[in-house]
PDB file of N, CA and C in Angstrom:
ATOM      1  N   MET A   1      69.980  48.415  66.655  1.00  0.00           N
ATOM      2  CA  MET A   1      70.307  49.835  66.509  1.00  0.00           C
ATOM      3  C   MET A   1      71.499  50.143  67.449  1.00  0.00           C
ATOM      4  N   VAL A   2      72.461  50.935  67.004  1.00  0.00           N
ATOM      5  CA  VAL A   2      73.676  51.274  67.724  1.00  0.00           C
ATOM      6  C   VAL A   2      73.377  52.493  68.602  1.00  0.00           C
ATOM      7  N   ASN A   3      73.800  52.369  69.881  1.00  0.00           N
ATOM      8  CA  ASN A   3      73.595  53.423  70.809  1.00  0.00           C
ATOM      9  C   ASN A   3      74.666  54.518  70.579  1.00  0.00           C
ATOM     10  N   ILE A   4      74.248  55.742  70.325  1.00  0.00           N
ATOM     11  CA  ILE A   4      75.176  56.827  70.050  1.00  0.00           C
ATOM     12  C   ILE A   4      76.083  57.126  71.267  1.00  0.00           C
ATOM     13  N   GLY A   5      75.507  56.946  72.457  1.00  0.00           N
ATOM     14  CA  GLY A   5      76.265  57.146  73.698  1.00  0.00           C
ATOM     15  C   GLY A   5      77.427  56.203  73.830  1.00  0.00           C
ATOM     16  N   ALA A   6      77.214  54.958  73.401  1.00  0.00           N
ATOM     17  CA  ALA A   6      78.280  53.949  73.488  1.00  0.00           C
ATOM     18  C   ALA A   6      79.405  54.286  72.510  1.00  0.00           C
ATOM     19  N   ILE A   7      79.051  54.791  71.314  1.00  0.00           N
ATOM     20  CA  ILE A   7      80.086  55.211  70.354  1.00  0.00           C
ATOM     21  C   ILE A   7      80.869  56.383  70.854  1.00  0.00           C
ATOM     22  N   ALA A   8      80.184  57.313  71.497  1.00  0.00           N
ATOM     23  CA  ALA A   8      80.845  58.499  72.024  1.00  0.00           C
ATOM     24  C   ALA A   8      81.804  58.090  73.152  1.00  0.00           C
ATOM     25  N   GLU A   9      81.366  57.175  74.004  1.00  0.00           N
ATOM     26  CA  GLU A   9      82.210  56.699  75.088  1.00  0.00           C
ATOM     27  C   GLU A   9      83.450  55.994  74.563  1.00  0.00           C
ATOM     28  N   LEU A  10      83.269  55.160  73.527  1.00  0.00           N
ATOM     29  CA  LEU A  10      84.399  54.475  72.902  1.00  0.00           C
ATOM     30  C   LEU A  10      85.407  55.485  72.348  1.00  0.00           C
ATOM     31  N   GLU A  11      84.927  56.462  71.656  1.00  0.00           N
ATOM     32  CA  GLU A  11      85.791  57.507  71.071  1.00  0.00           C
ATOM     33  C   GLU A  11      86.542  58.274  72.151  1.00  0.00           C
ATOM     34  N   ARG A  12      85.839  58.576  73.234  1.00  0.00           N
ATOM     35  CA  ARG A  12      86.461  59.319  74.340  1.00  0.00           C
ATOM     36  C   ARG A  12      87.590  58.473  74.958  1.00  0.00           C
ATOM     37  N   ASN A  13      87.322  57.156  75.139  1.00  0.00           N
ATOM     38  CA  ASN A  13      88.380  56.263  75.679  1.00  0.00           C
ATOM     39  C   ASN A  13      89.604  56.169  74.758  1.00  0.00           C
ATOM     40  N   LEU A  14      89.329  56.163  73.442  1.00  0.00           N
ATOM     41  CA  LEU A  14      90.450  56.148  72.509  1.00  0.00           C
ATOM     42  C   LEU A  14      91.281  57.412  72.582  1.00  0.00           C
ATOM     43  N   ILE A  15      90.621  58.553  72.685  1.00  0.00           N
ATOM     44  CA  ILE A  15      91.331  59.822  72.814  1.00  0.00           C
ATOM     45  C   ILE A  15      92.188  59.854  74.077  1.00  0.00           C
ATOM     46  N   VAL A  16      91.605  59.420  75.169  1.00  0.00           N
ATOM     47  CA  VAL A  16      92.356  59.402  76.457  1.00  0.00           C
ATOM     48  C   VAL A  16      93.592  58.524  76.343  1.00  0.00           C
ATOM     49  N   GLU A  17      93.432  57.318  75.747  1.00  0.00           N
ATOM     50  CA  GLU A  17      94.547  56.417  75.600  1.00  0.00           C
ATOM     51  C   GLU A  17      95.637  57.012  74.704  1.00  0.00           C
ATOM     52  N   ARG A  18      95.279  57.687  73.632  1.00  0.00           N
ATOM     53  CA  ARG A  18      96.268  58.315  72.758  1.00  0.00           C
ATOM     54  C   ARG A  18      97.037  59.414  73.461  1.00  0.00           C
ATOM     55  N   VAL A  19      96.315  60.214  74.257  1.00  0.00           N
ATOM     56  CA  VAL A  19      96.965  61.298  75.016  1.00  0.00           C
ATOM     57  C   VAL A  19      97.961  60.696  76.017  1.00  0.00           C
ATOM     58  N   ARG A  20      97.500  59.688  76.757  1.00  0.00           N
ATOM     59  CA  ARG A  20      98.399  59.063  77.719  1.00  0.00           C
ATOM     60  C   ARG A  20      99.628  58.438  77.074  1.00  0.00           C
ATOM     61  N   ALA A  21      99.438  57.841  75.930  1.00  0.00           N
ATOM     62  CA  ALA A  21     100.566  57.242  75.214  1.00  0.00           C
ATOM     63  C   ALA A  21     101.541  58.345  74.779  1.00  0.00           C
ATOM     64  N   GLY A  22     101.039  59.431  74.340  1.00  0.00           N
ATOM     65  CA  GLY A  22     101.921  60.547  73.920  1.00  0.00           C
ATOM     66  C   GLY A  22     102.688  61.106  75.086  1.00  0.00           C
ATOM     67  N   MET A  23     102.045  61.193  76.250  1.00  0.00           N
ATOM     68  CA  MET A  23     102.715  61.693  77.431  1.00  0.00           C
ATOM     69  C   MET A  23     103.789  60.740  77.904  1.00  0.00           C
ATOM     70  N   ARG A  24     103.526  59.433  77.876  1.00  0.00           N
ATOM     71  CA  ARG A  24     104.497  58.415  78.213  1.00  0.00           C
ATOM     72  C   ARG A  24     105.717  58.533  77.312  1.00  0.00           C
ATOM     73  N   ARG A  25     105.482  58.658  76.013  1.00  0.00           N
ATOM     74  CA  ARG A  25     106.550  58.753  75.037  1.00  0.00           C
ATOM     75  C   ARG A  25     107.373  60.048  75.290  1.00  0.00           C
ATOM     76  N   ALA A  26     106.752  61.144  75.592  1.00  0.00           N
ATOM     77  CA  ALA A  26     107.454  62.358  75.859  1.00  0.00           C
ATOM     78  C   ALA A  26     108.353  62.255  77.086  1.00  0.00           C
ATOM     79  N   ARG A  27     107.801  61.577  78.157  1.00  0.00           N
ATOM     80  CA  ARG A  27     108.583  61.359  79.343  1.00  0.00           C
ATOM     81  C   ARG A  27     109.832  60.521  79.076  1.00  0.00           C
ATOM     82  N   LEU A  28     109.620  59.456  78.278  1.00  0.00           N
ATOM     83  CA  LEU A  28     110.739  58.575  77.978  1.00  0.00           C
ATOM     84  C   LEU A  28     111.786  59.307  77.147  1.00  0.00           C
ATOM     85  N   GLU A  29     111.408  60.263  76.305  1.00  0.00           N
ATOM     86  CA  GLU A  29     112.334  61.032  75.538  1.00  0.00           C
ATOM     87  C   GLU A  29     112.958  62.172  76.317  1.00  0.00           C
ATOM     88  N   GLY A  30     112.507  62.327  77.592  1.00  0.00           N
ATOM     89  CA  GLY A  30     113.115  63.319  78.488  1.00  0.00           C
ATOM     90  C   GLY A  30     112.520  64.712  78.316  1.00  0.00           C
ATOM     91  N   ARG A  31     111.410  64.805  77.650  1.00  0.00           N
ATOM     92  CA  ARG A  31     110.747  66.112  77.497  1.00  0.00           C
ATOM     93  C   ARG A  31     109.948  66.465  78.740  1.00  0.00           C
ATOM     94  N   HIS A  32     109.912  67.721  79.078  1.00  0.00           N
ATOM     95  CA  HIS A  32     109.166  68.215  80.177  1.00  0.00           C
ATOM     96  C   HIS A  32     107.684  68.341  79.857  1.00  0.00           C
ATOM     97  N   ILE A  33     106.827  67.890  80.755  1.00  0.00           N
ATOM     98  CA  ILE A  33     105.373  67.997  80.505  1.00  0.00           C
ATOM     99  C   ILE A  33     104.816  68.971  81.550  1.00  0.00           C
ATOM    100  N   GLY A  34     104.062  69.989  81.090  1.00  0.00           N
ATOM    101  CA  GLY A  34     103.422  70.887  81.966  1.00  0.00           C
ATOM    102  C   GLY A  34     104.117  72.239  81.942  1.00  0.00           C
ATOM    103  N   CYS A  35     103.691  73.105  82.875  1.00  0.00           N
ATOM    104  CA  CYS A  35     104.209  74.463  82.954  1.00  0.00           C
ATOM    105  C   CYS A  35     105.632  74.444  83.520  1.00  0.00           C
ATOM    106  N   LYS A  36     106.413  75.467  83.168  1.00  0.00           N
ATOM    107  CA  LYS A  36     107.731  75.614  83.757  1.00  0.00           C
ATOM    108  C   LYS A  36     107.619  76.015  85.191  1.00  0.00           C
ATOM    109  N   PRO A  37     108.517  75.563  86.066  1.00  0.00           N
ATOM    110  CA  PRO A  37     108.458  75.962  87.479  1.00  0.00           C
ATOM    111  C   PRO A  37     108.657  77.477  87.605  1.00  0.00           C
ATOM    112  N   LEU A  38     107.962  78.069  88.576  1.00  0.00           N
ATOM    113  CA  LEU A  38     108.189  79.499  88.820  1.00  0.00           C
ATOM    114  C   LEU A  38     109.531  79.795  89.356  1.00  0.00           C
ATOM    115  N   GLU A  39     110.142  80.874  88.924  1.00  0.00           N
ATOM    116  CA  GLU A  39     111.410  81.318  89.474  1.00  0.00           C
ATOM    117  C   GLU A  39     111.119  82.454  90.436  1.00  0.00           C
ATOM    118  N   LEU A  40     111.143  82.152  91.694  1.00  0.00           N
ATOM    119  CA  LEU A  40     110.814  83.107  92.711  1.00  0.00           C
ATOM    120  C   LEU A  40     112.025  83.441  93.550  1.00  0.00           C
ATOM    121  N   ASP A  41     112.077  84.704  93.980  1.00  0.00           N
ATOM    122  CA  ASP A  41     113.126  85.125  94.951  1.00  0.00           C
ATOM    123  C   ASP A  41     112.577  84.904  96.319  1.00  0.00           C
ATOM    124  N   ARG A  42     112.737  83.669  96.803  1.00  0.00           N
ATOM    125  CA  ARG A  42     112.151  83.263  98.084  1.00  0.00           C
ATOM    126  C   ARG A  42     112.663  84.081  99.253  1.00  0.00           C
ATOM    127  N   ALA A  43     113.949  84.447  99.217  1.00  0.00           N
ATOM    128  CA  ALA A  43     114.541  85.243 100.311  1.00  0.00           C
ATOM    129  C   ALA A  43     113.877  86.589 100.387  1.00  0.00           C
ATOM    130  N   SER A  44     113.618  87.224  99.262  1.00  0.00           N
ATOM    131  CA  SER A  44     112.931  88.552  99.232  1.00  0.00           C
ATOM    132  C   SER A  44     111.521  88.450  99.753  1.00  0.00           C
ATOM    133  N   ILE A  45     110.806  87.355  99.350  1.00  0.00           N
ATOM    134  CA  ILE A  45     109.449  87.160  99.822  1.00  0.00           C
ATOM    135  C   ILE A  45     109.415  87.067 101.296  1.00  0.00           C
ATOM    136  N   LEU A  46     110.321  86.229 101.876  1.00  0.00           N
ATOM    137  CA  LEU A  46     110.392  86.085 103.313  1.00  0.00           C
ATOM    138  C   LEU A  46     110.727  87.414 104.040  1.00  0.00           C
ATOM    139  N   ARG A  47     111.692  88.155 103.456  1.00  0.00           N
ATOM    140  CA  ARG A  47     112.118  89.433 104.037  1.00  0.00           C
ATOM    141  C   ARG A  47     110.941  90.425 104.063  1.00  0.00           C
ATOM    142  N   ASP A  48     110.218  90.510 102.887  1.00  0.00           N
ATOM    143  CA  ASP A  48     109.125  91.430 102.816  1.00  0.00           C
ATOM    144  C   ASP A  48     107.962  91.013 103.727  1.00  0.00           C
ATOM    145  N   ARG A  49     107.765  89.748 103.913  1.00  0.00           N
ATOM    146  CA  ARG A  49     106.710  89.260 104.856  1.00  0.00           C
ATOM    147  C   ARG A  49     107.063  89.648 106.258  1.00  0.00           C
ATOM    148  N   GLN A  50     108.366  89.492 106.623  1.00  0.00           N
ATOM    149  CA  GLN A  50     108.801  89.855 107.966  1.00  0.00           C
ATOM    150  C   GLN A  50     108.674  91.345 108.243  1.00  0.00           C
ATOM    151  N   ARG A  51     108.725  92.114 107.168  1.00  0.00           N
ATOM    152  CA  ARG A  51     108.547  93.566 107.258  1.00  0.00           C
ATOM    153  C   ARG A  51     107.072  93.986 107.368  1.00  0.00           C
ATOM    154  N   GLY A  52     106.179  93.009 107.317  1.00  0.00           N
ATOM    155  CA  GLY A  52     104.767  93.265 107.588  1.00  0.00           C
ATOM    156  C   GLY A  52     103.875  93.342 106.362  1.00  0.00           C
ATOM    157  N   GLN A  53     104.369  93.005 105.171  1.00  0.00           N
ATOM    158  CA  GLN A  53     103.477  93.020 104.019  1.00  0.00           C
ATOM    159  C   GLN A  53     102.493  91.844 104.096  1.00  0.00           C
ATOM    160  N   SER A  54     101.310  92.093 103.613  1.00  0.00           N
ATOM    161  CA  SER A  54     100.286  91.036 103.613  1.00  0.00           C
ATOM    162  C   SER A  54     100.494  90.080 102.445  1.00  0.00           C
ATOM    163  N   LEU A  55      99.788  88.941 102.477  1.00  0.00           N
ATOM    164  CA  LEU A  55      99.894  88.003 101.386  1.00  0.00           C
ATOM    165  C   LEU A  55      99.467  88.624 100.074  1.00  0.00           C
ATOM    166  N   GLY A  56      98.387  89.416 100.105  1.00  0.00           N
ATOM    167  CA  GLY A  56      97.936  90.075  98.926  1.00  0.00           C
ATOM    168  C   GLY A  56      98.920  91.071  98.354  1.00  0.00           C
ATOM    169  N   GLN A  57      99.575  91.807  99.191  1.00  0.00           N
ATOM    170  CA  GLN A  57     100.525  92.746  98.738  1.00  0.00           C
ATOM    171  C   GLN A  57     101.732  92.063  98.125  1.00  0.00           C
ATOM    172  N   LEU A  58     102.167  90.969  98.799  1.00  0.00           N
ATOM    173  CA  LEU A  58     103.304  90.221  98.248  1.00  0.00           C
ATOM    174  C   LEU A  58     102.940  89.577  96.898  1.00  0.00           C
ATOM    175  N   ALA A  59     101.734  89.080  96.797  1.00  0.00           N
ATOM    176  CA  ALA A  59     101.269  88.417  95.563  1.00  0.00           C
ATOM    177  C   ALA A  59     101.272  89.465  94.395  1.00  0.00           C
ATOM    178  N   LYS A  60     100.789  90.654  94.684  1.00  0.00           N
ATOM    179  CA  LYS A  60     100.794  91.700  93.629  1.00  0.00           C
ATOM    180  C   LYS A  60     102.181  92.099  93.239  1.00  0.00           C
ATOM    181  N   SER A  61     103.056  92.310  94.214  1.00  0.00           N
ATOM    182  CA  SER A  61     104.377  92.786  93.897  1.00  0.00           C
ATOM    183  C   SER A  61     105.244  91.741  93.213  1.00  0.00           C
ATOM    184  N   TYR A  62     105.010  90.466  93.468  1.00  0.00           N
ATOM    185  CA  TYR A  62     105.783  89.396  92.818  1.00  0.00           C
ATOM    186  C   TYR A  62     105.016  88.747  91.627  1.00  0.00           C
ATOM    187  N   ARG A  63     103.798  89.276  91.352  1.00  0.00           N
ATOM    188  CA  ARG A  63     102.977  88.823  90.263  1.00  0.00           C
ATOM    189  C   ARG A  63     102.708  87.331  90.258  1.00  0.00           C
ATOM    190  N   VAL A  64     102.307  86.830  91.451  1.00  0.00           N
ATOM    191  CA  VAL A  64     101.902  85.436  91.615  1.00  0.00           C
ATOM    192  C   VAL A  64     100.640  85.417  92.485  1.00  0.00           C
ATOM    193  N   SER A  65     100.080  84.254  92.628  1.00  0.00           N
ATOM    194  CA  SER A  65      98.861  84.140  93.431  1.00  0.00           C
ATOM    195  C   SER A  65      99.190  84.165  94.919  1.00  0.00           C
ATOM    196  N   ARG A  66      98.168  84.467  95.711  1.00  0.00           N
ATOM    197  CA  ARG A  66      98.330  84.443  97.164  1.00  0.00           C
ATOM    198  C   ARG A  66      98.661  83.043  97.643  1.00  0.00           C
ATOM    199  N   ALA A  67      98.105  82.051  96.978  1.00  0.00           N
ATOM    200  CA  ALA A  67      98.415  80.656  97.331  1.00  0.00           C
ATOM    201  C   ALA A  67      99.887  80.343  97.142  1.00  0.00           C
ATOM    202  N   THR A  68     100.489  80.867  96.084  1.00  0.00           N
ATOM    203  CA  THR A  68     101.919  80.655  95.868  1.00  0.00           C
ATOM    204  C   THR A  68     102.732  81.287  96.972  1.00  0.00           C
ATOM    205  N   ILE A  69     102.393  82.461  97.368  1.00  0.00           N
ATOM    206  CA  ILE A  69     103.082  83.151  98.475  1.00  0.00           C
ATOM    207  C   ILE A  69     102.940  82.300  99.732  1.00  0.00           C
ATOM    208  N   HIS A  70     101.743  81.833 100.023  1.00  0.00           N
ATOM    209  CA  HIS A  70     101.481  81.048 101.194  1.00  0.00           C
ATOM    210  C   HIS A  70     102.295  79.769 101.164  1.00  0.00           C
ATOM    211  N   ARG A  71     102.447  79.127 100.005  1.00  0.00           N
ATOM    212  CA  ARG A  71     103.216  77.904  99.853  1.00  0.00           C
ATOM    213  C   ARG A  71     104.660  78.166 100.162  1.00  0.00           C
ATOM    214  N   VAL A  72     105.201  79.309  99.656  1.00  0.00           N
ATOM    215  CA  VAL A  72     106.610  79.655  99.945  1.00  0.00           C
ATOM    216  C   VAL A  72     106.825  79.800 101.429  1.00  0.00           C
ATOM    217  N   LEU A  73     105.925  80.493 102.080  1.00  0.00           N
ATOM    218  CA  LEU A  73     106.085  80.746 103.539  1.00  0.00           C
ATOM    219  C   LEU A  73     105.931  79.435 104.291  1.00  0.00           C
ATOM    220  N   ARG A  74     105.024  78.524 103.875  1.00  0.00           N
ATOM    221  CA  ARG A  74     104.836  77.239 104.531  1.00  0.00           C
ATOM    222  C   ARG A  74     106.068  76.372 104.368  1.00  0.00           C
ATOM    223  N   GLU A  75     106.663  76.378 103.162  1.00  0.00           N
ATOM    224  CA  GLU A  75     107.877  75.549 102.907  1.00  0.00           C
ATOM    225  C   GLU A  75     109.024  76.076 103.795  1.00  0.00           C
ATOM    226  N   HIS A  76     109.112  77.397 103.921  1.00  0.00           N
ATOM    227  CA  HIS A  76     110.151  77.957 104.750  1.00  0.00           C
ATOM    228  C   HIS A  76     109.976  77.564 106.197  1.00  0.00           C
ATOM    229  N   ALA A  77     108.728  77.610 106.684  1.00  0.00           N
ATOM    230  CA  ALA A  77     108.442  77.224 108.065  1.00  0.00           C
ATOM    231  C   ALA A  77     108.804  75.784 108.287  1.00  0.00           C
ATOM    232  N   ALA A  78     108.487  74.909 107.324  1.00  0.00           N
ATOM    233  CA  ALA A  78     108.767  73.475 107.452  1.00  0.00           C
ATOM    234  C   ALA A  78     110.262  73.203 107.527  1.00  0.00           C
ATOM    235  N   THR A  79     111.054  73.916 106.650  1.00  0.00           N
ATOM    236  CA  THR A  79     112.507  73.683 106.698  1.00  0.00           C
ATOM    237  C   THR A  79     113.113  74.237 107.977  1.00  0.00           C
ATOM    238  N   THR A  80     112.540  75.320 108.485  1.00  0.00           N
ATOM    239  CA  THR A  80     112.993  75.928 109.743  1.00  0.00           C
ATOM    240  C   THR A  80     112.759  74.951 110.892  1.00  0.00           C
ATOM    241  N   LEU A  81     111.644  74.284 110.910  1.00  0.00           N
ATOM    242  CA  LEU A  81     111.339  73.316 111.943  1.00  0.00           C
ATOM    243  C   LEU A  81     112.243  72.124 111.875  1.00  0.00           C
ATOM    244  N   GLU A  82     112.540  71.657 110.666  1.00  0.00           N
ATOM    245  CA  GLU A  82     113.453  70.524 110.489  1.00  0.00           C
ATOM    246  C   GLU A  82     114.832  70.818 110.975  1.00  0.00           C
ATOM    247  N   LYS A  83     115.311  72.047 110.749  1.00  0.00           N
ATOM    248  CA  LYS A  83     116.652  72.395 111.174  1.00  0.00           C
ATOM    249  C   LYS A  83     116.769  72.484 112.693  1.00  0.00           C
ATOM    250  N   SER A  84     115.680  72.953 113.329  1.00  0.00           N
ATOM    251  CA  SER A  84     115.720  73.110 114.784  1.00  0.00           C
ATOM    252  C   SER A  84     115.477  71.831 115.525  1.00  0.00           C
ATOM    253  N   ALA A  85     114.949  70.806 114.838  1.00  0.00           N
ATOM    254  CA  ALA A  85     114.686  69.528 115.504  1.00  0.00           C
ATOM    255  C   ALA A  85     115.887  68.597 115.607  1.00  0.00           C
TER     256      ALA A  85
END
Protein backbone atom coordinates (compact mmCIF):
# COMPACT_ATOMS: atom_id res chain seq x y z
CA MET A 1 0.00 0.00 0.00
CA VAL A 2 1.31 3.48 -0.91
CA ASN A 3 1.73 5.98 1.88
CA ILE A 4 -0.23 9.17 1.08
CA GLY A 5 2.24 11.21 3.14
CA ALA A 6 5.13 10.06 0.95
CA ILE A 7 3.26 11.08 -2.20
CA ALA A 8 2.47 14.50 -0.71
CA GLU A 9 6.11 14.99 0.26
CA LEU A 10 7.27 14.05 -3.25
CA GLU A 11 4.79 16.51 -4.80
CA ARG A 12 5.93 19.25 -2.42
CA ASN A 13 9.57 18.66 -3.35
CA LEU A 14 8.69 18.85 -7.04
CA ILE A 15 6.87 22.16 -6.54
CA VAL A 16 9.81 23.62 -4.60
CA GLU A 17 12.26 22.58 -7.32
CA ARG A 18 10.08 24.09 -10.09
CA VAL A 19 9.83 27.38 -8.20
CA ARG A 20 13.59 27.51 -7.62
CA ALA A 21 14.25 26.74 -11.28
CA GLY A 22 11.92 29.55 -12.32
CA MET A 23 13.66 32.00 -9.99
CA ARG A 24 17.09 30.97 -11.32
CA ARG A 25 15.90 31.47 -14.89
CA ALA A 26 14.43 34.89 -14.03
CA ARG A 27 17.72 35.98 -12.42
CA LEU A 28 19.70 34.83 -15.46
CA GLU A 29 17.36 36.84 -17.70
CA GLY A 30 17.98 39.90 -15.53
CA ARG A 31 14.49 40.16 -14.10
CA HIS A 32 14.03 41.53 -10.60
CA ILE A 33 12.61 39.14 -8.00
CA GLY A 34 10.69 40.49 -5.02
CA CYS A 35 9.33 43.86 -4.01
CA LYS A 36 10.66 47.10 -5.42
CA PRO A 37 13.00 48.97 -3.06
CA LEU A 38 11.36 51.76 -1.08
CA GLU A 39 12.08 55.27 -2.26
CA LEU A 40 12.56 57.23 0.93
CA ASP A 41 13.65 60.81 1.51
CA ARG A 42 16.31 59.85 4.03
CA ALA A 43 17.46 63.43 4.60
CA SER A 44 13.92 64.51 5.56
CA ILE A 45 13.56 61.54 7.92
CA LEU A 46 16.83 62.45 9.65
CA ARG A 47 15.85 66.14 9.84
CA ASP A 48 12.42 65.35 11.31
CA ARG A 49 13.96 62.96 13.83
CA GLN A 50 16.43 65.65 14.95
CA ARG A 51 13.44 67.96 15.41
CA GLY A 52 12.10 65.52 17.99
CA GLN A 53 9.54 63.41 16.14
CA SER A 54 9.12 59.87 17.45
CA LEU A 55 9.62 56.74 15.37
CA GLY A 56 5.85 56.23 15.29
CA GLN A 57 5.19 59.76 14.11
CA LEU A 58 7.82 59.45 11.39
CA ALA A 59 6.42 56.09 10.30
CA LYS A 60 2.92 57.53 9.95
CA SER A 61 4.00 60.63 8.08
CA TYR A 62 6.21 58.68 5.62
CA ARG A 63 3.77 55.74 5.42
CA VAL A 64 6.31 53.06 6.31
CA SER A 65 6.84 50.82 9.33
CA ARG A 66 8.66 51.90 12.47
CA ALA A 67 11.25 49.24 11.67
CA THR A 68 11.98 50.95 8.34
CA ILE A 69 12.48 54.30 10.08
CA HIS A 70 14.73 52.64 12.64
CA ARG A 71 16.78 51.03 9.84
CA VAL A 72 17.25 54.41 8.09
CA LEU A 73 18.45 55.97 11.34
CA ARG A 74 20.77 53.03 12.10
CA GLU A 75 22.28 53.17 8.58
CA HIS A 76 22.89 56.90 8.99
CA ALA A 77 24.56 56.34 12.35
CA ALA A 78 26.81 53.64 10.85
CA THR A 79 27.92 55.85 7.96
CA THR A 80 28.53 58.74 10.36
CA LEU A 81 30.79 56.53 12.48
CA GLU A 82 32.69 55.32 9.41
CA LYS A 83 33.36 58.89 8.29
CA SER A 84 34.64 59.96 11.71
CA ALA A 85 36.97 56.96 12.10
